[in-house]
Each structure stands twice: as C-alpha cells, then as structure tokens.
Amino acid sequence: MKVIRRFFRNLFARLGIASGLLGYFWRRKIWWMVPLVLVILVLGVIVIFGQSSAVSSFIYTLF
C-alpha cells in the first residue's frame, strides 16, 4: 500500500497543474470528478490531433 501511495505522490509531483488538480481531488475525496477530467483531456487531445491533415482521416473514422 505504501508503494502505491509513493507512486501516486511521485506521479502527482511530476505532472504540474494536473498534479495540483488531482491532488485536490485526492485530499477532498472527489473521486467522481476524475473520470470527468480524464474524458475532457482525451477529447482535447483528439481535437488537437484532428486539426492536422495526416491524422484527421483516422480520427474521423472513430466518430
């Protein structure tokens, strides 16, 4: 259990702003927000990759 806590503590320390947000969720026990934030981040990455012409054809097939 200590290894898992140490892993997440180190992960949060390396992620910058995202680590602050995830640390806030961890302290306040707002677990339901984590999937929401992850979905928003994934959609943001898809939008960024969708703007390039080489990758856009592969992303359009997902929808």
N, C-alpha and C. Protein backbone atom coordinates (compact mmCIF):
# COMPACT_ATOMS: atom_id res chain seq x y z
N MET A 1 0.82 -1.19 0.00
CA MET A 1 0.00 0.00 0.00
C MET A 1 0.86 1.26 0.00
N LYS A 2 1.96 1.22 0.74
CA LYS A 2 2.86 2.37 0.77
C LYS A 2 3.50 2.62 -0.58
N VAL A 3 3.75 1.54 -1.31
CA VAL A 3 4.36 1.67 -2.64
C VAL A 3 3.40 2.37 -3.58
N ILE A 4 2.12 2.04 -3.49
CA ILE A 4 1.13 2.67 -4.36
C ILE A 4 1.00 4.15 -4.02
N ARG A 5 0.96 4.48 -2.74
CA ARG A 5 0.88 5.88 -2.34
C ARG A 5 2.10 6.66 -2.79
N ARG A 6 3.27 6.05 -2.65
CA ARG A 6 4.50 6.72 -3.08
C ARG A 6 4.51 6.92 -4.59
N PHE A 7 4.02 5.92 -5.33
CA PHE A 7 3.94 6.04 -6.79
C PHE A 7 3.05 7.21 -7.19
N PHE A 8 1.85 7.30 -6.61
CA PHE A 8 0.94 8.38 -6.97
C PHE A 8 1.47 9.73 -6.50
N ARG A 9 2.14 9.78 -5.37
CA ARG A 9 2.71 11.03 -4.89
C ARG A 9 3.79 11.53 -5.86
N ASN A 10 4.63 10.62 -6.33
CA ASN A 10 5.66 11.00 -7.31
C ASN A 10 5.04 11.38 -8.65
N LEU A 11 3.99 10.66 -9.03
CA LEU A 11 3.32 10.98 -10.30
C LEU A 11 2.70 12.36 -10.23
N PHE A 12 2.03 12.68 -9.13
CA PHE A 12 1.41 14.00 -8.97
C PHE A 12 2.47 15.09 -8.95
N ALA A 13 3.62 14.82 -8.40
CA ALA A 13 4.67 15.83 -8.33
C ALA A 13 5.23 16.15 -9.71
N ARG A 14 5.15 15.22 -10.64
CA ARG A 14 5.74 15.43 -11.96
C ARG A 14 4.77 16.02 -12.98
N LEU A 15 3.53 16.09 -12.66
CA LEU A 15 2.55 16.49 -13.66
C LEU A 15 2.20 17.98 -13.67
N GLY A 16 2.70 18.76 -12.74
CA GLY A 16 2.46 20.21 -12.76
C GLY A 16 1.05 20.59 -12.37
N ILE A 17 0.35 21.29 -13.26
CA ILE A 17 -1.00 21.76 -12.99
C ILE A 17 -1.95 20.58 -12.78
N ALA A 18 -1.81 19.56 -13.59
CA ALA A 18 -2.67 18.39 -13.44
C ALA A 18 -2.45 17.73 -12.09
N SER A 19 -1.23 17.77 -11.60
CA SER A 19 -0.97 17.17 -10.29
C SER A 19 -1.66 17.96 -9.19
N GLY A 20 -1.71 19.27 -9.32
CA GLY A 20 -2.43 20.08 -8.34
C GLY A 20 -3.91 19.75 -8.33
N LEU A 21 -4.48 19.59 -9.51
CA LEU A 21 -5.89 19.25 -9.61
C LEU A 21 -6.17 17.86 -9.06
N LEU A 22 -5.35 16.88 -9.44
CA LEU A 22 -5.55 15.53 -8.94
C LEU A 22 -5.28 15.44 -7.44
N GLY A 23 -4.30 16.21 -6.96
CA GLY A 23 -4.05 16.25 -5.52
C GLY A 23 -5.22 16.82 -4.75
N TYR A 24 -5.86 17.84 -5.33
CA TYR A 24 -7.07 18.41 -4.72
C TYR A 24 -8.17 17.36 -4.66
N PHE A 25 -8.38 16.63 -5.74
CA PHE A 25 -9.39 15.57 -5.74
C PHE A 25 -9.06 14.51 -4.70
N TRP A 26 -7.78 14.19 -4.55
CA TRP A 26 -7.34 13.16 -3.60
C TRP A 26 -7.62 13.60 -2.17
N ARG A 27 -7.30 14.85 -1.85
CA ARG A 27 -7.50 15.34 -0.48
C ARG A 27 -8.97 15.51 -0.13
N ARG A 28 -9.75 16.00 -1.09
CA ARG A 28 -11.17 16.27 -0.83
C ARG A 28 -12.06 15.06 -1.08
N LYS A 29 -11.47 13.97 -1.54
CA LYS A 29 -12.19 12.73 -1.83
C LYS A 29 -13.31 12.95 -2.85
N ILE A 30 -12.98 13.66 -3.92
CA ILE A 30 -13.93 13.92 -5.01
C ILE A 30 -13.60 12.96 -6.15
N TRP A 31 -13.81 11.68 -5.93
CA TRP A 31 -13.42 10.67 -6.91
C TRP A 31 -14.24 10.74 -8.18
N TRP A 32 -15.47 11.22 -8.10
CA TRP A 32 -16.34 11.25 -9.27
C TRP A 32 -15.87 12.27 -10.30
N MET A 33 -15.01 13.19 -9.92
CA MET A 33 -14.52 14.20 -10.85
C MET A 33 -13.38 13.68 -11.73
N VAL A 34 -12.68 12.67 -11.28
CA VAL A 34 -11.52 12.16 -12.02
C VAL A 34 -11.92 11.66 -13.42
N PRO A 35 -12.96 10.83 -13.56
CA PRO A 35 -13.33 10.42 -14.93
C PRO A 35 -13.76 11.59 -15.81
N LEU A 36 -14.43 12.57 -15.23
CA LEU A 36 -14.85 13.73 -16.00
C LEU A 36 -13.64 14.48 -16.55
N VAL A 37 -12.64 14.70 -15.72
CA VAL A 37 -11.44 15.41 -16.16
C VAL A 37 -10.69 14.59 -17.20
N LEU A 38 -10.61 13.28 -17.02
CA LEU A 38 -9.92 12.44 -17.99
C LEU A 38 -10.61 12.45 -19.34
N VAL A 39 -11.93 12.43 -19.36
CA VAL A 39 -12.67 12.47 -20.62
C VAL A 39 -12.43 13.81 -21.32
N ILE A 40 -12.45 14.89 -20.56
CA ILE A 40 -12.19 16.21 -21.15
C ILE A 40 -10.78 16.28 -21.73
N LEU A 41 -9.81 15.73 -21.03
CA LEU A 41 -8.43 15.73 -21.54
C LEU A 41 -8.30 14.89 -22.81
N VAL A 42 -8.94 13.73 -22.84
CA VAL A 42 -8.88 12.87 -24.03
C VAL A 42 -9.54 13.56 -25.21
N LEU A 43 -10.68 14.20 -25.00
CA LEU A 43 -11.33 14.92 -26.09
C LEU A 43 -10.47 16.09 -26.57
N GLY A 44 -9.78 16.75 -25.67
CA GLY A 44 -8.87 17.82 -26.07
C GLY A 44 -7.73 17.31 -26.92
N VAL A 45 -7.19 16.17 -26.57
CA VAL A 45 -6.11 15.57 -27.36
C VAL A 45 -6.62 15.17 -28.74
N ILE A 46 -7.84 14.63 -28.79
CA ILE A 46 -8.42 14.25 -30.09
C ILE A 46 -8.62 15.48 -30.96
N VAL A 47 -9.08 16.58 -30.37
CA VAL A 47 -9.28 17.81 -31.15
C VAL A 47 -7.95 18.33 -31.67
N ILE A 48 -6.92 18.30 -30.84
CA ILE A 48 -5.60 18.78 -31.27
C ILE A 48 -5.05 17.92 -32.41
N PHE A 49 -5.17 16.61 -32.28
CA PHE A 49 -4.69 15.73 -33.35
C PHE A 49 -5.59 15.81 -34.58
N GLY A 50 -6.86 16.13 -34.39
CA GLY A 50 -7.78 16.23 -35.51
C GLY A 50 -7.52 17.42 -36.41
N GLN A 51 -6.79 18.39 -35.94
CA GLN A 51 -6.50 19.57 -36.74
C GLN A 51 -5.43 19.32 -37.79
N SER A 52 -4.60 18.34 -37.58
CA SER A 52 -3.58 18.04 -38.58
C SER A 52 -4.19 17.15 -39.67
N SER A 53 -3.81 17.38 -40.88
CA SER A 53 -4.44 16.69 -42.00
C SER A 53 -4.05 15.21 -42.08
N ALA A 54 -2.88 14.86 -41.58
CA ALA A 54 -2.41 13.47 -41.69
C ALA A 54 -3.17 12.56 -40.74
N VAL A 55 -3.55 13.06 -39.60
CA VAL A 55 -4.19 12.22 -38.58
C VAL A 55 -5.71 12.33 -38.64
N SER A 56 -6.21 13.37 -39.24
CA SER A 56 -7.64 13.62 -39.21
C SER A 56 -8.46 12.51 -39.84
N SER A 57 -7.95 11.87 -40.87
CA SER A 57 -8.72 10.78 -41.50
C SER A 57 -8.91 9.60 -40.56
N PHE A 58 -7.96 9.34 -39.70
CA PHE A 58 -8.10 8.26 -38.74
C PHE A 58 -9.05 8.62 -37.60
N ILE A 59 -9.06 9.88 -37.21
CA ILE A 59 -9.93 10.31 -36.13
C ILE A 59 -11.38 10.36 -36.60
N TYR A 60 -11.61 10.75 -37.83
CA TYR A 60 -12.99 10.81 -38.35
C TYR A 60 -13.62 9.43 -38.38
N THR A 61 -12.84 8.38 -38.54
CA THR A 61 -13.40 7.04 -38.54
C THR A 61 -13.89 6.62 -37.16
N LEU A 62 -13.38 7.25 -36.11
CA LEU A 62 -13.84 6.93 -34.76
C LEU A 62 -15.27 7.42 -34.53
N PHE A 63 -15.64 8.48 -35.17
CA PHE A 63 -16.97 9.06 -34.96
C PHE A 63 -17.85 8.73 -36.12
